[in-house]
Protein backbone atom coordinates (compact mmCIF):
# COMPACT_ATOMS: atom_id res chain seq x y z
CA UNK A 1 160.01 150.54 72.21
CA UNK A 2 158.95 148.22 75.64
CA UNK A 3 156.29 149.06 77.29
CA UNK A 4 156.56 149.42 80.89
CA UNK A 5 155.61 146.22 82.12
CA UNK A 6 157.51 144.94 79.75
CA UNK A 7 160.72 146.64 80.25
CA UNK A 8 160.60 145.65 83.97
CA UNK A 9 160.12 141.93 83.43
CA UNK A 10 162.86 142.32 81.16
CA UNK A 11 165.30 143.83 84.30
CA UNK A 12 163.80 141.25 86.72
CA UNK A 13 165.19 138.23 84.13
CA UNK A 14 168.63 140.22 83.52
CA UNK A 15 168.90 140.30 87.87
CA UNK A 16 168.78 136.08 87.54
CA UNK A 17 164.71 135.86 87.72
CA UNK A 18 163.74 133.23 86.45
CA UNK A 19 160.47 131.86 87.80
CA UNK A 20 157.25 133.87 88.87
CA UNK A 21 154.38 132.91 90.88
CA UNK A 22 151.10 134.37 89.85
CA UNK A 23 147.66 134.54 89.03
CA UNK A 24 147.11 137.58 86.15
CA UNK A 25 143.88 139.86 86.11
CA UNK A 26 142.32 142.63 84.21
CA UNK A 27 144.88 144.48 86.31
CA UNK A 28 148.48 142.86 85.33
CA UNK A 29 147.37 142.34 81.63
CA UNK A 30 150.13 144.83 80.72
CA UNK A 31 152.60 143.43 82.67
CA UNK A 32 151.85 139.65 82.03
CA UNK A 33 152.76 141.12 77.99
CA UNK A 34 156.34 141.92 79.48
CA UNK A 35 156.02 138.00 81.04
CA UNK A 36 155.61 137.08 77.26
CA UNK A 37 158.33 138.39 75.79
CA UNK A 38 160.83 137.66 78.47
CA UNK A 39 162.30 134.11 79.26
CA UNK A 40 160.05 133.05 82.48
CA UNK A 41 158.84 130.47 83.69
CA UNK A 42 155.02 131.27 84.90
CA UNK A 43 153.78 128.72 87.63
CA UNK A 44 150.11 129.29 88.59
CA UNK A 45 149.12 128.43 92.18
CA UNK A 46 144.99 128.41 92.83
CA UNK A 47 145.02 131.39 95.07
CA UNK A 48 147.34 134.79 95.81
CA UNK A 49 147.94 133.01 99.29
CA UNK A 50 149.44 130.10 97.71
CA UNK A 51 151.64 132.43 95.17
CA UNK A 52 152.94 133.73 98.45
CA UNK A 53 153.93 130.72 100.15
CA UNK A 54 155.37 129.55 97.06
CA UNK A 55 157.80 132.32 96.09
CA UNK A 56 159.07 131.53 100.24
CA UNK A 57 159.84 128.45 99.88
CA UNK A 58 161.76 129.13 96.31
CA UNK A 59 163.55 131.94 97.96
CA UNK A 60 164.75 129.73 100.96
CA UNK A 61 166.19 126.71 98.94
CA UNK A 62 167.38 128.74 95.99
CA UNK A 63 169.12 131.99 98.10
CA UNK A 64 167.07 134.04 95.17
CA UNK A 65 164.22 136.55 95.76
CA UNK A 66 160.84 134.39 95.26
CA UNK A 67 158.81 136.73 92.91
CA UNK A 68 155.00 137.24 92.58
CA UNK A 69 152.97 139.02 90.21
CA UNK A 70 149.22 139.82 91.58
CA UNK A 71 146.30 141.84 90.63
CA UNK A 72 145.36 145.23 92.81
CA UNK A 73 143.55 144.69 95.99
CA UNK A 74 142.42 141.62 96.83
CA UNK A 75 145.51 140.29 95.29
CA UNK A 76 147.71 141.90 97.34
CA UNK A 77 145.96 141.31 100.53
CA UNK A 78 145.61 137.84 99.63
CA UNK A 79 149.68 138.30 99.53
CA UNK A 80 150.17 139.87 102.78
CA UNK A 81 149.96 136.83 105.29
CA UNK A 82 152.74 135.52 103.20
CA UNK A 83 154.65 138.03 102.97
CA UNK A 84 154.20 139.07 106.86
CA UNK A 85 156.01 135.05 107.23
CA UNK A 86 158.43 135.50 104.82
CA UNK A 87 159.87 139.10 106.89
CA UNK A 88 159.45 137.16 110.03
CA UNK A 89 161.74 134.49 109.36
CA UNK A 90 164.13 136.53 106.70
CA UNK A 91 163.20 135.46 103.15
CA UNK A 92 163.51 137.71 100.08
CA UNK A 93 160.26 138.28 98.17
CA UNK A 94 159.58 140.60 95.32
CA UNK A 95 155.94 141.20 94.77
CA UNK A 96 154.85 142.98 92.14
CA UNK A 97 151.02 144.34 91.80
CA UNK A 98 148.91 146.82 89.71
CA UNK A 99 147.13 149.36 91.44
CA UNK A 100 143.92 151.97 90.10
CA UNK A 101 145.07 154.99 87.67
CA UNK A 102 146.71 157.65 89.38
CA UNK A 103 144.05 160.03 89.05
CA UNK A 104 141.56 158.03 91.08
CA UNK A 105 143.86 157.18 93.91
CA UNK A 106 142.66 157.80 97.41
CA UNK A 107 139.26 159.60 96.59
CA UNK A 108 137.39 156.06 96.81
CA UNK A 109 135.69 156.31 93.72
CA UNK A 110 134.70 152.89 94.23
CA UNK A 111 136.38 151.69 91.38
CA UNK A 112 137.35 147.67 91.39
CA UNK A 113 139.81 146.51 93.64
CA UNK A 114 139.92 149.59 94.88
CA UNK A 115 141.94 150.19 98.17
CA UNK A 116 141.82 153.12 100.90
CA UNK A 117 145.50 153.16 100.78
CA UNK A 118 147.14 150.17 99.21
CA UNK A 119 151.14 151.12 99.73
CA UNK A 120 150.42 152.02 103.21
CA UNK A 121 148.44 148.84 103.76
CA UNK A 122 151.35 146.96 101.66
CA UNK A 123 153.92 148.78 104.05
CA UNK A 124 153.03 147.27 107.38
CA UNK A 125 154.80 143.80 106.36
CA UNK A 126 157.39 144.68 103.35
CA UNK A 127 160.58 146.57 104.16
CA UNK A 128 160.16 148.77 101.21
CA UNK A 129 157.57 149.59 99.06
CA UNK A 130 156.88 151.54 96.36
CA UNK A 131 154.66 153.42 93.60
CA UNK A 132 156.23 153.36 89.96
CA UNK A 133 154.89 156.93 88.69
CA UNK A 134 155.93 157.22 85.14
CA UNK A 135 158.84 155.59 83.16
CA UNK A 136 161.45 157.68 84.70
CA UNK A 137 160.64 156.11 87.83
CA UNK A 138 160.69 152.41 87.13
CA UNK A 139 164.67 152.43 87.35
CA UNK A 140 164.68 153.85 90.67
CA UNK A 141 162.16 151.89 92.00
CA UNK A 142 163.43 148.65 90.82
CA UNK A 143 166.72 149.57 91.88
CA UNK A 144 165.90 150.46 95.61
CA UNK A 145 163.27 147.22 96.05
CA UNK A 146 166.55 145.13 94.97
CA UNK A 147 168.57 147.54 97.56
CA UNK A 148 165.80 146.64 100.37
CA UNK A 149 166.61 143.08 99.76
CA UNK A 150 170.37 143.78 100.92
CA UNK A 151 170.80 142.75 104.85
CA UNK A 152 168.36 141.19 106.60
CA UNK A 153 166.28 140.08 103.54
CA UNK A 154 162.24 140.43 103.61
CA UNK A 155 159.59 141.08 101.41
CA UNK A 156 159.82 144.31 99.08
CA UNK A 157 157.04 145.69 97.48
CA UNK A 158 156.64 147.34 93.70
CA UNK A 159 153.16 148.87 92.90
CA UNK A 160 152.24 149.98 89.19
CA UNK A 161 149.42 152.05 88.02
CA UNK A 162 147.08 150.54 85.53
CA UNK A 163 147.24 153.42 83.70
CA UNK A 164 151.06 153.10 83.76
CA UNK A 165 152.17 149.77 82.91
CA UNK A 166 151.51 150.20 79.18
CA UNK A 167 152.99 153.45 78.81
CA UNK A 168 156.27 153.48 76.52
CA UNK A 169 159.14 152.40 78.77
CA UNK A 170 162.44 153.22 79.02
CA UNK A 171 165.31 151.67 76.49
CA UNK A 172 167.77 150.75 79.24
CA UNK A 173 167.50 149.86 82.76
CA UNK A 174 170.45 149.47 85.24
CA UNK A 175 171.83 146.13 86.86
CA UNK A 176 173.15 148.43 90.10
CA UNK A 177 173.35 146.36 93.12
CA UNK A 178 174.13 147.20 96.77
CA UNK A 179 177.46 147.76 97.72
CA UNK A 180 179.04 145.14 99.51
CA UNK A 181 179.07 145.98 103.46
CA UNK A 182 182.78 146.06 104.30
CA UNK A 183 183.89 143.26 106.21
CA UNK A 184 183.51 143.77 110.20
CA UNK A 185 186.13 143.79 112.79
CA UNK A 186 186.13 140.47 114.54
CA UNK A 187 188.50 140.81 116.63
CA UNK A 188 186.73 141.39 119.99
CA UNK A 189 185.17 138.04 119.67
CA UNK A 190 188.30 135.94 118.83
CA UNK A 191 189.73 137.62 121.52
CA UNK A 192 187.22 137.02 124.52
CA UNK A 193 186.66 133.44 122.57
CA UNK A 194 190.16 132.38 122.93
CA UNK A 195 189.67 133.76 127.18
CA UNK A 196 186.87 130.95 127.63
CA UNK A 197 187.06 127.42 128.90
CA UNK A 198 183.24 126.35 128.40
CA UNK A 199 181.74 128.09 125.30
CA UNK A 200 178.53 127.05 123.50
CA UNK A 201 177.68 128.59 120.02
CA UNK A 202 174.16 129.19 119.27
CA UNK A 203 173.20 128.80 115.12
CA UNK A 204 170.19 130.38 113.65
CA UNK A 205 168.93 130.58 110.36
CA UNK A 206 171.72 133.07 109.21
CA UNK A 207 173.84 130.05 109.54
CA UNK A 208 171.95 127.93 107.18
CA UNK A 209 174.68 128.33 104.13
CA UNK A 210 177.97 127.96 106.50
CA UNK A 211 178.14 123.90 107.12
CA UNK A 212 181.44 123.58 106.80
CA UNK A 213 182.41 126.65 108.40
CA UNK A 214 180.68 126.36 111.53
CA UNK A 215 181.73 122.52 111.89
CA UNK A 216 184.69 124.05 111.74
CA UNK A 217 184.12 126.34 114.31
CA UNK A 218 182.85 124.25 116.94
CA UNK A 219 185.59 121.84 116.67
CA UNK A 220 188.41 124.12 116.74
CA UNK A 221 186.45 125.72 120.28
CA UNK A 222 185.10 122.25 121.15
CA UNK A 223 181.83 124.02 121.60
CA UNK A 224 178.68 122.55 121.67
CA UNK A 225 176.30 123.82 118.89
CA UNK A 226 172.81 124.72 119.87
CA UNK A 227 170.37 124.73 116.52
CA UNK A 228 167.76 127.06 116.22
CA UNK A 229 164.79 125.98 114.07
CA UNK A 230 165.98 127.27 111.03
CA UNK A 231 169.38 126.06 111.30
CA UNK A 232 168.07 122.27 111.20
CA UNK A 233 170.60 119.94 109.26
CA UNK A 234 173.60 121.72 109.63
CA UNK A 235 176.23 119.81 111.27
CA UNK A 236 173.95 116.55 110.85
CA UNK A 237 174.92 114.00 113.85
CA UNK A 238 178.00 115.57 114.39
CA UNK A 239 178.97 114.85 118.38
CA UNK A 240 178.91 118.42 119.27
CA UNK A 241 175.32 118.69 117.95
CA UNK A 242 172.42 119.69 119.86
CA UNK A 243 169.74 119.74 117.61
CA UNK A 244 167.21 120.92 120.30
CA UNK A 245 164.95 124.13 121.39
CA UNK A 246 166.49 126.86 123.85
CA UNK A 247 163.38 126.51 125.36
CA UNK A 248 164.16 122.89 126.69
CA UNK A 249 165.06 123.67 130.47
CA UNK A 250 167.98 120.44 129.16
CA UNK A 251 169.03 122.74 126.85
CA UNK A 252 168.97 126.00 128.67
CA UNK A 253 171.01 124.24 132.06
CA UNK A 254 173.89 123.85 128.69
CA UNK A 255 173.66 127.50 128.01
CA UNK A 256 173.36 128.49 131.16
CA UNK A 257 176.64 126.91 131.92
CA UNK A 258 178.95 128.22 129.41
CA UNK A 259 181.25 130.96 130.10
CA UNK A 260 180.69 132.06 126.84
CA UNK A 261 177.78 132.45 124.60
CA UNK A 262 178.06 133.05 120.98
CA UNK A 263 175.52 133.48 119.29
CA UNK A 264 175.00 133.33 115.54
CA UNK A 265 172.55 134.68 112.82
CA UNK A 266 169.43 134.41 115.34
CA UNK A 267 167.19 137.03 116.50
CA UNK A 268 166.46 135.49 119.88
CA UNK A 269 163.46 135.60 119.28
CA UNK A 270 160.51 133.56 121.85
CA UNK A 271 159.34 130.91 118.89
CA UNK A 272 162.88 129.84 119.68
CA UNK A 273 163.75 130.68 123.11
CA UNK A 274 160.49 130.68 125.17
CA UNK A 275 158.23 128.72 122.79
CA UNK A 276 155.91 128.05 126.37
CA UNK A 277 155.36 131.45 126.95
CA UNK A 278 157.27 131.80 130.35
CA UNK A 279 158.38 134.86 130.05
CA UNK A 280 162.15 134.18 130.65
CA UNK A 281 165.20 133.78 128.47
CA UNK A 282 168.19 130.86 128.91
CA UNK A 283 170.68 133.18 130.75
CA UNK A 284 173.77 133.56 128.39
CA UNK A 285 177.31 135.01 130.18
CA UNK A 286 179.30 136.91 128.18
CA UNK A 287 176.86 136.79 124.86
CA UNK A 288 178.71 137.41 121.71
CA UNK A 289 176.66 138.05 118.75
CA UNK A 290 176.89 138.16 114.97
CA UNK A 291 173.81 139.38 112.89
CA UNK A 292 173.29 141.02 109.74
CA UNK A 293 170.13 143.56 111.27
CA UNK A 294 171.51 146.05 113.64
CA UNK A 295 168.44 146.92 114.62
CA UNK A 296 168.30 143.36 116.21
CA UNK A 297 171.85 143.06 118.11
CA UNK A 298 170.23 146.32 119.97
CA UNK A 299 167.63 144.42 120.81
CA UNK A 300 168.97 142.26 123.85
CA UNK A 301 172.18 143.23 125.26
CA UNK A 302 175.66 141.95 124.65
CA UNK A 303 178.73 142.20 125.49
CA UNK A 304 180.16 142.25 121.88
CA UNK A 305 177.69 142.86 119.27
CA UNK A 306 178.87 142.67 115.53
CA UNK A 307 176.78 143.62 112.79
CA UNK A 308 177.81 141.26 109.37
CA UNK A 309 177.07 138.75 106.80
CA UNK A 310 177.40 135.41 108.27
CA UNK A 311 177.87 134.21 104.48
CA UNK A 312 180.88 136.40 103.99
CA UNK A 313 182.17 136.04 107.87
CA UNK A 314 181.84 132.77 109.39
CA UNK A 315 184.55 131.65 107.55
CA UNK A 316 187.15 134.16 108.73
CA UNK A 317 186.13 133.32 112.10
CA UNK A 318 186.60 129.75 111.80
CA UNK A 319 189.82 130.32 110.01
CA UNK A 320 191.30 133.07 112.00
CA UNK A 321 190.61 131.41 115.82
CA UNK A 322 192.65 128.99 117.01
CA UNK A 323 192.12 125.88 118.62
CA UNK A 324 191.12 125.17 122.41
CA UNK A 325 192.75 122.15 124.12
CA UNK A 326 189.40 120.03 124.96
CA UNK A 327 186.50 121.33 126.82
CA UNK A 328 184.74 118.02 127.19
CA UNK A 329 182.19 119.90 124.54
CA UNK A 330 180.82 116.49 123.11
CA UNK A 331 180.27 115.18 126.62
CA UNK A 332 178.45 118.31 127.38
CA UNK A 333 176.11 118.13 124.21
CA UNK A 334 175.13 114.16 124.29
CA UNK A 335 174.31 115.38 128.30
CA UNK A 336 172.19 117.89 126.69
CA UNK A 337 170.64 115.43 123.68
CA UNK A 338 169.98 113.38 126.45
CA UNK A 339 168.45 115.38 128.51
CA UNK A 340 166.12 116.80 126.01
CA UNK A 341 165.16 113.96 125.05
CA UNK A 342 163.92 112.70 128.65
CA UNK A 343 162.52 115.90 129.20
CA UNK A 344 159.92 115.59 126.17
CA UNK A 345 159.13 111.61 127.24
CA UNK A 346 157.99 113.37 130.48
CA UNK A 347 156.08 116.32 129.54
CA UNK A 348 154.97 115.83 126.67
CA UNK A 349 154.69 112.38 125.48
CA UNK A 350 153.18 111.93 122.15
CA UNK A 351 155.23 114.17 121.00
CA UNK A 352 158.61 111.22 120.95
CA UNK A 353 156.22 109.56 119.24
CA UNK A 354 156.00 112.28 116.30
CA UNK A 355 159.23 113.04 116.23
CA UNK A 356 160.29 109.18 115.51
CA UNK A 357 157.69 109.25 112.84
CA UNK A 358 159.74 112.14 111.39
CA UNK A 359 163.30 110.36 111.83
CA UNK A 360 161.42 107.78 109.89
CA UNK A 361 160.20 109.72 106.69
CA UNK A 362 163.96 111.17 106.90
CA UNK A 363 165.50 108.21 106.49
CA UNK A 364 163.09 106.59 103.68
CA UNK A 365 164.33 109.61 101.75
CA UNK A 366 167.99 110.67 102.71
CA UNK A 367 168.82 114.52 102.12
CA UNK A 368 165.26 115.74 101.87
CA UNK A 369 164.02 118.91 101.79
CA UNK A 370 161.25 119.30 104.66
CA UNK A 371 158.76 121.33 105.00
CA UNK A 372 156.83 121.89 107.59
CA UNK A 373 152.93 123.22 108.54
CA UNK A 374 152.01 124.50 112.04
CA UNK A 375 151.04 120.63 113.09
CA UNK A 376 151.86 118.71 116.17
CA UNK A 377 154.74 116.56 114.20
CA UNK A 378 156.35 119.89 113.34
CA UNK A 379 155.90 121.19 117.06
CA UNK A 380 157.46 118.06 118.12
CA UNK A 381 160.26 118.07 115.72
CA UNK A 382 160.88 121.62 116.41
CA UNK A 383 161.19 120.77 119.99
CA UNK A 384 164.53 117.84 119.30
CA UNK A 385 164.86 116.54 115.81
CA UNK A 386 168.82 116.34 113.27
CA UNK A 387 167.75 116.95 109.83
CA UNK A 388 170.02 115.72 107.57
CA UNK A 389 170.05 118.13 105.26
CA UNK A 390 171.71 122.17 105.61
CA UNK A 391 169.13 124.13 105.18
CA UNK A 392 166.20 121.54 104.04
CA UNK A 393 164.33 122.00 107.45
CA UNK A 394 161.77 124.99 107.47
CA UNK A 395 158.33 125.51 108.62
CA UNK A 396 155.55 127.96 109.18
CA UNK A 397 155.39 127.22 112.82
CA UNK A 398 157.75 129.90 114.04
CA UNK A 399 157.89 133.78 113.60
CA UNK A 400 154.69 134.57 112.29
CA UNK A 401 153.06 131.26 112.40
CA UNK A 402 150.75 131.12 109.66
CA UNK A 403 148.97 127.89 109.02
CA UNK A 404 148.43 126.55 105.24
CA UNK A 405 152.18 126.89 104.79
CA UNK A 406 153.68 123.49 104.39
CA UNK A 407 151.95 122.88 100.62
CA UNK A 408 152.55 126.11 98.66
CA UNK A 409 156.06 126.28 100.25
CA UNK A 410 157.15 122.70 99.75
CA UNK A 411 156.31 123.28 95.66
CA UNK A 412 158.37 126.77 95.56
CA UNK A 413 160.92 124.60 97.31
CA UNK A 414 160.97 121.56 94.81
CA UNK A 415 160.63 124.23 91.66
CA UNK A 416 163.96 125.96 93.18
CA UNK A 417 165.96 122.00 93.75
CA UNK A 418 164.26 119.54 91.23
CA UNK A 419 166.87 117.19 92.28
CA UNK A 420 165.90 117.23 95.81
CA UNK A 421 163.34 114.70 97.34
CA UNK A 422 160.87 117.05 98.77
CA UNK A 423 158.16 116.00 101.50
CA UNK A 424 155.75 118.66 103.14
CA UNK A 425 153.92 118.07 106.80
CA UNK A 426 151.07 119.06 107.91
CA UNK A 427 147.92 118.22 109.69
CA UNK A 428 144.76 117.54 108.38
CA UNK A 429 143.38 121.27 109.35
CA UNK A 430 146.10 123.58 108.27
CA UNK A 431 145.91 121.20 104.95
CA UNK A 432 142.89 122.81 104.24
CA UNK A 433 144.21 126.32 104.21
CA UNK A 434 145.47 125.59 100.65
CA UNK A 435 144.44 122.65 99.88
CA UNK A 436 143.88 123.60 96.28
CA UNK A 437 147.44 123.97 95.61
CA UNK A 438 147.98 120.22 95.07
CA UNK A 439 146.63 121.43 91.76
CA UNK A 440 150.09 123.08 90.87
CA UNK A 441 151.98 120.39 92.13
CA UNK A 442 149.48 117.78 89.81
CA UNK A 443 150.11 120.96 86.77
CA UNK A 444 153.44 120.98 87.21
CA UNK A 445 153.95 117.05 87.41
CA UNK A 446 156.60 117.68 90.68
CA UNK A 447 157.51 114.85 92.90
CA UNK A 448 156.55 116.00 96.27
CA UNK A 449 155.24 113.53 99.15
CA UNK A 450 152.44 115.76 100.91
CA UNK A 451 151.50 113.68 104.15
CA UNK A 452 148.73 114.81 106.30
CA UNK A 453 148.41 113.70 110.10
CA UNK A 454 144.82 113.08 110.23
CA UNK A 455 142.99 113.19 113.30
CA UNK A 456 140.32 115.72 112.26
CA UNK A 457 141.00 118.14 114.49
CA UNK A 458 142.88 121.26 115.29
CA UNK A 459 144.33 118.82 118.60
CA UNK A 460 147.18 121.02 119.35
CA UNK A 461 144.28 124.09 119.98
CA UNK A 462 141.95 121.25 121.30
CA UNK A 463 144.35 120.39 124.02
CA UNK A 464 145.48 124.18 124.86
CA UNK A 465 142.13 124.86 125.60
CA UNK A 466 140.95 121.84 127.61
CA UNK A 467 144.21 122.60 129.69
CA UNK A 468 142.62 125.62 130.58
CA UNK A 469 139.52 124.14 131.43
CA UNK A 470 137.29 125.65 128.30
CA UNK A 471 135.51 123.54 126.29
CA UNK A 472 137.30 122.79 122.68
CA UNK A 473 134.89 124.91 120.62
CA UNK A 474 135.66 125.41 117.46
CA UNK A 475 138.54 122.59 116.91
CA UNK A 476 137.14 119.37 115.11
CA UNK A 477 136.42 120.73 111.40
CA UNK A 478 135.29 117.83 109.03
CA UNK A 479 138.08 116.54 107.00
CA UNK A 480 137.76 115.82 103.77
CA UNK A 481 138.16 112.56 101.74
CA UNK A 482 141.89 112.84 100.91
CA UNK A 483 142.17 109.04 98.62
CA UNK A 484 138.77 111.09 97.01
CA UNK A 485 141.24 114.71 96.86
CA UNK A 486 144.50 113.38 95.43
CA UNK A 487 142.41 111.56 92.73
CA UNK A 488 140.20 114.70 91.97
CA UNK A 489 143.71 116.47 91.41
CA UNK A 490 146.08 113.75 89.85
CA UNK A 491 148.07 112.89 92.58
CA UNK A 492 149.07 109.27 93.97
CA UNK A 493 147.55 108.01 97.29
CA UNK A 494 148.45 105.92 100.26
CA UNK A 495 146.80 105.59 103.95
CA UNK A 496 149.32 104.39 106.63
CA UNK A 497 148.73 104.12 110.48
CA UNK A 498 151.88 105.34 112.46
CA UNK A 499 153.46 101.78 113.46
CA UNK A 500 153.00 101.03 109.63
CA UNK A 501 154.88 104.25 108.47
CA UNK A 502 158.17 102.24 107.26
CA UNK A 503 156.45 99.97 105.74
CA UNK A 504 154.10 102.43 103.56
CA UNK A 505 157.85 104.43 102.84
CA UNK A 506 159.55 101.70 101.57
CA UNK A 507 160.69 101.16 97.98
CA UNK A 508 158.40 104.82 97.54
CA UNK A 509 161.14 107.16 96.83
CA UNK A 510 162.58 108.39 94.34
CA UNK A 511 158.68 109.76 93.60
CA UNK A 512 157.53 109.68 89.50
CA UNK A 513 155.20 112.37 90.92
CA UNK A 514 153.60 114.11 93.48
CA UNK A 515 151.42 111.95 96.02
CA UNK A 516 149.78 112.19 99.28
CA UNK A 517 149.95 110.10 102.29
CA UNK A 518 147.39 109.85 105.38
CA UNK A 519 148.28 108.87 108.33
CA UNK A 520 145.41 108.03 110.12
CA UNK A 521 145.80 109.01 114.08
């Protein structure tokens, strides 16, 4: 008979889980008995925060939930930051932890790894969190956890007490999936789109797996398509694409000139629509929305709001809409793109050079997955950059905005798709949050290019403090010797400057193993 730990691990396999990111400990030994028995690849990060970010990157590329196994107490606490990032960016994650024995919970006995209320703490960032109290409760807990991934994806948490995971488990566990949602009624949106003369589409992360359908819809409507950060890579190079932030005045003018705005899979959040914190949003006449989350739809008034999964209904919308006569969509899109670049040149001239460097990286590795940290090059490209792979541009600079995202999330992404080139983008400050995870890339021999812009500072913060008349205190932590770090972890290494970047990338791909490229600023 399997133990509860073994039954849990086998049920994960039966539900399609292939990889677990985790660090074992004395509180999870019996869960690891299950890992040993199941056909699961185990990847060992250097810190639980790395495990969570790896699971997030894995989920964004594979479309499957990223799974984390960590210990009671500090293991969960260290995973909370990536769980919050995943929650903000609608990334599915399953976090499995231990917890102290049942008769000790909430009593403050001073046990190893004890928290006053571990489950309550988890619920602050989890969509669903539950404790398995006995063998009879395992099936329901797993079913409810996977059901929690339905709708808007987010992290879920299952904790198993140390005195439960080794008990005799059930013989069989169910594989019941959450029922598929009903197809929404698209008639009101179709009717309004048929009437309008100057439509604009805003594509959010909910569209990222629907490149063909979005292209078909845009062409039928002759509508410019503004992309939020998590939609970048869709419709690359298309005449109707506006891969630029709706925080820019140029893009806002395009949106405000439209007589109908179709917002698809976007929460209309400030990190996309008001990144300069002006307190204003672009005005949207006749706003039509489709989003998987009814709570999100209620947060902004719209003429028509439809709850729907765009992976199911965007192709329907594209097929059922009638083609419109030309509305000058390509010209409107081109004007917005050009105006956006001029605006960046004027308001943040250093960003233009950084965007060019990102484009140089893209051209050196076509179809690459680019995973970014919170760093100036990523901020710049989030403003205006047209990536060439649907779903292949994402970063920690939006939503929760956690530093240290790029290195581990890129590792997770590369494990999800070992055929794709993967490039991690970071500054020297953010890199140091999760620098030891380079060891995982070395252990697994994952061919990732880790690009570090080294200006020996948290320069974006320093500039902001000085602009506010405040001395840039705490903004200049010393950077390590990245060449020595690379050697210590067994990575290849190159050092270059912005003007020599193209030459440094010549004939670099495909990589035979992980490499760190330092760009001295």
